[in-house]
């Protein structure tokens, strides 16, 4: 697993619990998106089409009519479509692991960076060349960028048909780029690559500063040259208290089921799952 530039905070702790079930920030985002989707369906049913226009992001509207609220509202405007279900699945599958690695605060910072930064940069493009305009709504690019962040963290993780996540990311990057080029959607292509760059920088940004800092390189070299104790060898590795705790939790699940676990036991099981995923990536 690659070490993220935005380091972890809160250790992947849930926001709150509902009947011994943890609710993380990703789950809360899914709930909000589902609520706004239902509102969008009702607006379409009662022919409130101006609602979509006023809340969707339009570079001309923001620059000429100062509709600055569109910088915040456009991701929550969902048109009735089955694509929304796929969008939420992408957020659920990949956002959860990215949240655990980055931590709640950094994850939220990444999410809102993906909302604001591409929009602001697109405004500068329209200000320079008024013929280049763009309209944006929905959160598909935001959640696809979270998949890119996941692929940067776990490039060897197997997804569809045993294909590693890094190759799936490359295939989709090429496919979406070719679609935008074929349709001459230059603003959308610019927005797309801005979002991808932000997600990749949140993971790989630290490496840039590592290469620019000779001091960090020397410190890392000293740590590598430092002899290790025999006890740190895998042959002498003892079973830790954490391993014994997980074994006890698994025994409890086998005897009484998942519903018997306490909040602390569920949190410990979730931490063990993330640690195992990280361990697999190092192999």
Protein backbone atom coordinates (compact mmCIF):
# COMPACT_ATOMS: atom_id res chain seq x y z
CA UNK A 1 0.00 0.00 0.00
CA UNK A 2 1.25 3.52 -0.82
CA UNK A 3 1.56 5.93 2.09
CA UNK A 4 -0.89 8.80 1.49
CA UNK A 5 0.39 12.38 1.39
CA UNK A 6 -2.55 13.35 3.64
CA UNK A 7 -1.78 11.28 6.72
CA UNK A 8 -4.34 9.34 8.76
CA UNK A 9 -6.34 10.85 11.60
CA UNK A 10 -8.95 9.34 13.96
CA UNK A 11 -7.84 5.82 12.94
CA UNK A 12 -10.97 5.13 10.90
CA UNK A 13 -13.39 5.54 13.80
CA UNK A 14 -17.11 5.69 12.90
CA UNK A 15 -19.12 8.90 13.19
CA UNK A 16 -21.77 7.18 15.32
CA UNK A 17 -23.42 3.82 15.93
CA UNK A 18 -26.92 2.61 15.07
CA UNK A 19 -27.89 -0.57 16.93
CA UNK A 20 -24.28 -1.76 17.26
CA UNK A 21 -23.63 -0.95 13.59
CA UNK A 22 -20.95 1.66 12.78
CA UNK A 23 -21.87 4.56 10.48
CA UNK A 24 -18.88 6.12 8.76
CA UNK A 25 -18.59 9.37 6.82
CA UNK A 26 -18.95 7.47 3.54
CA UNK A 27 -22.26 6.03 4.72
CA UNK A 28 -23.50 9.48 5.72
CA UNK A 29 -22.58 10.85 2.27
CA UNK A 30 -24.54 8.02 0.63
CA UNK A 31 -27.58 8.85 2.78
CA UNK A 32 -27.39 12.54 1.81
CA UNK A 33 -27.03 11.72 -1.89
CA UNK A 34 -30.01 9.34 -1.73
CA UNK A 35 -32.14 12.04 -0.07
CA UNK A 36 -31.24 14.61 -2.71
CA UNK A 37 -31.92 12.02 -5.43
CA UNK A 38 -35.44 11.50 -4.07
CA UNK A 39 -35.95 15.27 -4.03
CA UNK A 40 -34.79 15.38 -7.66
CA UNK A 41 -37.25 12.65 -8.63
CA UNK A 42 -40.12 14.56 -6.99
CA UNK A 43 -39.00 17.78 -8.70
CA UNK A 44 -39.04 16.02 -12.08
CA UNK A 45 -42.44 14.48 -11.35
CA UNK A 46 -43.97 17.89 -10.56
CA UNK A 47 -42.16 19.57 -13.48
CA UNK A 48 -39.85 21.78 -11.42
CA UNK A 49 -37.27 21.93 -14.20
CA UNK A 50 -35.95 25.38 -13.14
CA UNK A 51 -34.78 23.67 -9.93
CA UNK A 52 -32.17 21.69 -11.88
CA UNK A 53 -30.99 24.75 -13.80
CA UNK A 54 -30.54 26.94 -10.73
CA UNK A 55 -28.62 24.35 -8.71
CA UNK A 56 -26.51 22.80 -11.48
CA UNK A 57 -23.09 24.33 -12.11
CA UNK A 58 -22.85 26.60 -15.15
CA UNK A 59 -19.65 28.57 -15.72
CA UNK A 60 -21.51 31.40 -17.49
CA UNK A 61 -24.11 31.70 -14.74
CA UNK A 62 -21.46 31.91 -12.03
CA UNK A 63 -19.30 34.45 -13.88
CA UNK A 64 -22.04 36.64 -15.38
CA UNK A 65 -24.82 36.32 -12.79
CA UNK A 66 -22.73 35.52 -9.65
CA UNK A 67 -24.66 32.35 -8.85
CA UNK A 68 -21.86 31.22 -6.55
CA UNK A 69 -24.06 28.72 -4.69
CA UNK A 70 -23.74 26.45 -7.71
CA UNK A 71 -20.15 25.71 -6.62
CA UNK A 72 -21.63 23.79 -3.69
CA UNK A 73 -25.01 22.56 -4.93
CA UNK A 74 -24.16 20.86 -8.24
CA UNK A 75 -22.90 17.52 -6.79
CA UNK A 76 -26.22 16.97 -5.05
CA UNK A 77 -28.33 17.47 -8.18
CA UNK A 78 -29.12 13.98 -9.52
CA UNK A 79 -31.28 13.38 -12.56
CA UNK A 80 -33.51 10.28 -12.30
CA UNK A 81 -31.38 7.49 -13.79
CA UNK A 82 -30.15 3.98 -13.01
CA UNK A 83 -26.62 5.41 -13.26
CA UNK A 84 -27.20 6.87 -9.80
CA UNK A 85 -27.19 3.36 -8.30
CA UNK A 86 -23.80 2.64 -9.90
CA UNK A 87 -22.49 5.97 -8.62
CA UNK A 88 -23.46 5.06 -5.05
CA UNK A 89 -21.95 1.58 -5.40
CA UNK A 90 -18.63 3.12 -6.45
CA UNK A 91 -18.74 5.41 -3.40
CA UNK A 92 -19.61 2.48 -1.10
CA UNK A 93 -17.03 0.04 -2.50
CA UNK A 94 -14.04 2.36 -2.66
CA UNK A 95 -14.80 5.40 -0.53
CA UNK A 96 -14.97 3.32 2.64
CA UNK A 97 -11.37 2.06 2.35
CA UNK A 98 -10.04 5.49 1.31
CA UNK A 99 -11.73 6.98 4.39
CA UNK A 100 -10.05 4.42 6.66
CA UNK A 101 -6.59 5.12 5.24
CA UNK A 102 -6.81 8.93 5.09
CA UNK A 103 -8.86 9.44 8.22
CA UNK A 104 -12.16 11.28 8.53
CA UNK A 105 -10.85 14.87 8.34
CA UNK A 106 -8.49 14.30 5.41
CA UNK A 107 -11.13 12.27 3.60
CA UNK A 108 -13.63 15.09 3.95
CA UNK A 109 -10.97 17.56 2.76
CA UNK A 110 -10.37 15.39 -0.32
CA UNK A 111 -14.11 15.14 -1.01
CA UNK A 112 -14.69 18.89 -0.92
CA UNK A 113 -11.48 19.53 -2.87
CA UNK A 114 -12.96 17.37 -5.62
CA UNK A 115 -16.11 19.52 -5.47
CA UNK A 116 -14.55 23.00 -5.44
CA UNK A 117 -11.15 22.93 -7.15
CA UNK A 118 -12.21 21.62 -10.61
CA UNK A 119 -15.16 24.05 -10.59
CA UNK A 120 -12.97 27.04 -9.73
CA UNK A 121 -10.36 26.07 -12.33
CA UNK A 122 -13.07 25.71 -14.98
CA UNK A 123 -14.22 29.25 -14.16
CA UNK A 124 -10.72 30.52 -14.94
CA UNK A 125 -10.80 28.72 -18.30
CA UNK A 126 -14.15 30.34 -19.21
CA UNK A 127 -12.87 33.74 -18.03
CA UNK A 128 -9.90 33.41 -20.41
CA UNK A 129 -11.91 32.00 -23.32
CA UNK A 130 -15.69 32.67 -23.09
CA UNK A 131 -16.35 30.16 -25.88
CA UNK A 132 -15.33 27.36 -23.53
CA UNK A 133 -18.24 26.84 -21.15
CA UNK A 134 -19.46 23.91 -19.16
CA UNK A 135 -22.47 22.62 -17.25
CA UNK A 136 -22.04 20.06 -14.50
CA UNK A 137 -24.30 18.22 -12.06
CA UNK A 138 -24.11 14.97 -10.14
CA UNK A 139 -21.24 13.35 -8.30
CA UNK A 140 -20.01 10.72 -10.77
CA UNK A 141 -16.62 12.39 -11.35
CA UNK A 142 -16.11 12.89 -7.61
CA UNK A 143 -16.72 9.23 -6.84
CA UNK A 144 -14.71 8.01 -9.82
CA UNK A 145 -11.82 10.08 -8.45
CA UNK A 146 -12.21 8.28 -5.11
CA UNK A 147 -11.76 5.05 -7.07
CA UNK A 148 -8.54 6.53 -8.49
CA UNK A 149 -7.41 7.28 -4.93
CA UNK A 150 -8.22 3.68 -3.98
CA UNK A 151 -6.20 2.41 -6.96
CA UNK A 152 -3.25 4.56 -5.90
CA UNK A 153 -3.43 3.13 -2.38
CA UNK A 154 -4.06 -0.49 -3.39
CA UNK A 155 -2.78 -0.88 -6.99
CA UNK A 156 -2.50 -4.68 -6.73
CA UNK A 157 -5.98 -5.22 -5.32
CA UNK A 158 -7.95 -7.54 -7.63
CA UNK A 159 -11.32 -6.29 -8.83
CA UNK A 160 -13.23 -7.53 -11.87
CA UNK A 161 -12.28 -10.98 -13.22
CA UNK A 162 -9.05 -10.89 -11.21
CA UNK A 163 -7.81 -7.69 -12.91
CA UNK A 164 -5.74 -5.47 -10.62
CA UNK A 165 -7.22 -2.10 -9.70
CA UNK A 166 -4.37 -0.13 -11.35
CA UNK A 167 -5.19 -1.66 -14.74
CA UNK A 168 -8.92 -1.08 -14.28
CA UNK A 169 -8.15 2.58 -13.48
CA UNK A 170 -5.95 2.96 -16.57
CA UNK A 171 -8.61 1.39 -18.81
CA UNK A 172 -11.35 3.70 -17.52
CA UNK A 173 -9.08 6.76 -17.71
CA UNK A 174 -8.36 6.04 -21.37
CA UNK A 175 -11.99 5.19 -22.15
CA UNK A 176 -13.50 8.32 -20.57
CA UNK A 177 -10.84 10.53 -22.17
CA UNK A 178 -11.52 9.10 -25.64
CA UNK A 179 -15.28 9.60 -25.17
CA UNK A 180 -14.77 13.29 -24.29
CA UNK A 181 -12.36 13.78 -27.20
CA UNK A 182 -14.77 12.16 -29.65
CA UNK A 183 -17.65 14.38 -28.46
CA UNK A 184 -15.35 17.46 -28.25
CA UNK A 185 -16.34 17.96 -24.61
CA UNK A 186 -13.18 19.86 -23.78
CA UNK A 187 -14.43 21.41 -20.55
CA UNK A 188 -15.60 18.04 -19.24
CA UNK A 189 -12.25 16.51 -20.21
CA UNK A 190 -10.45 19.29 -18.34
CA UNK A 191 -12.71 18.79 -15.29
CA UNK A 192 -12.19 15.03 -15.46
CA UNK A 193 -8.38 15.23 -15.40
CA UNK A 194 -8.41 17.92 -12.71
CA UNK A 195 -10.40 15.58 -10.46
CA UNK A 196 -8.09 12.65 -11.21
CA UNK A 197 -5.00 14.80 -10.51
CA UNK A 198 -6.41 15.93 -7.13
CA UNK A 199 -7.14 12.34 -6.09
CA UNK A 200 -3.71 11.11 -7.20
CA UNK A 201 -1.93 14.00 -5.47
CA UNK A 202 -3.64 13.18 -2.18
CA UNK A 203 -1.80 9.84 -2.30
CA UNK A 204 1.41 10.48 -4.27
CA UNK A 205 2.09 14.09 -3.28
CA UNK A 206 4.37 13.05 -0.43
CA UNK A 207 6.78 11.35 -2.82
CA UNK A 208 7.45 14.65 -4.59
CA UNK A 209 8.55 16.28 -1.35
CA UNK A 210 10.53 13.18 -0.42
CA UNK A 211 12.67 13.48 -3.55
CA UNK A 212 13.13 17.21 -3.01
CA UNK A 213 14.40 16.73 0.53
CA UNK A 214 17.90 15.19 0.86
CA UNK A 215 17.51 15.16 4.64
CA UNK A 216 14.53 12.82 4.49
CA UNK A 217 16.44 10.55 2.11
CA UNK A 218 19.37 10.29 4.54
CA UNK A 219 17.07 9.53 7.47
CA UNK A 220 15.30 6.81 5.47
CA UNK A 221 18.67 5.29 4.47
CA UNK A 222 19.82 5.16 8.09
CA UNK A 223 16.64 3.39 9.14
CA UNK A 224 17.15 0.75 6.43
CA UNK A 225 20.79 0.14 7.47
CA UNK A 226 19.90 -0.21 11.17
CA UNK A 227 20.26 -3.89 12.20
CA UNK A 228 17.10 -5.60 13.34
CA UNK A 229 16.73 -7.74 16.42
CA UNK A 230 16.25 -11.45 16.06
CA UNK A 231 12.90 -11.13 17.73
CA UNK A 232 11.61 -8.96 14.85
CA UNK A 233 12.17 -11.83 12.43
CA UNK A 234 9.03 -13.66 11.29
CA UNK A 235 10.50 -16.85 12.77
CA UNK A 236 10.47 -15.34 16.26
CA UNK A 237 7.24 -13.37 15.90
CA UNK A 238 4.91 -14.02 18.77
CA UNK A 239 1.16 -13.85 18.85
CA UNK A 240 0.07 -10.37 19.95
CA UNK A 241 -2.79 -9.40 22.23
CA UNK A 242 -4.59 -8.01 19.19
CA UNK A 243 -4.45 -11.41 17.46
CA UNK A 244 -5.87 -13.09 20.55
CA UNK A 245 -8.66 -10.48 20.69
CA UNK A 246 -9.61 -11.09 17.04
CA UNK A 247 -9.61 -14.85 17.64
CA UNK A 248 -11.99 -14.36 20.56
CA UNK A 249 -14.26 -12.15 18.42
CA UNK A 250 -14.31 -14.75 15.62
CA UNK A 251 -15.17 -17.46 18.12
CA UNK A 252 -18.02 -15.32 19.42
CA UNK A 253 -19.33 -14.78 15.87
CA UNK A 254 -19.20 -18.53 15.22
CA UNK A 255 -21.18 -19.28 18.39
CA UNK A 256 -23.63 -16.35 18.64
CA UNK A 257 -23.56 -14.53 15.28
CA UNK A 258 -22.61 -10.96 14.23
CA UNK A 259 -25.46 -9.41 16.19
CA UNK A 260 -23.84 -10.41 19.48
CA UNK A 261 -20.80 -8.16 18.99
CA UNK A 262 -20.40 -4.98 21.03
CA UNK A 263 -19.37 -1.61 19.56
CA UNK A 264 -15.73 -2.05 20.57
CA UNK A 265 -15.62 -5.58 19.13
CA UNK A 266 -17.06 -4.41 15.80
CA UNK A 267 -14.51 -1.58 15.67
CA UNK A 268 -11.65 -4.01 16.42
CA UNK A 269 -12.87 -6.37 13.69
CA UNK A 270 -13.02 -3.48 11.18
CA UNK A 271 -9.47 -2.38 12.10
CA UNK A 272 -8.24 -5.94 11.58
CA UNK A 273 -9.89 -6.06 8.14
CA UNK A 274 -8.12 -2.87 7.03
CA UNK A 275 -4.79 -4.09 8.44
CA UNK A 276 -5.15 -7.38 6.54
CA UNK A 277 -5.89 -5.50 3.31
CA UNK A 278 -2.76 -3.39 3.80
CA UNK A 279 -0.70 -6.53 4.51
CA UNK A 280 -1.87 -8.17 1.29
CA UNK A 281 -0.79 -5.13 -0.74
CA UNK A 282 2.77 -5.36 0.61
CA UNK A 283 3.23 -8.92 -0.65
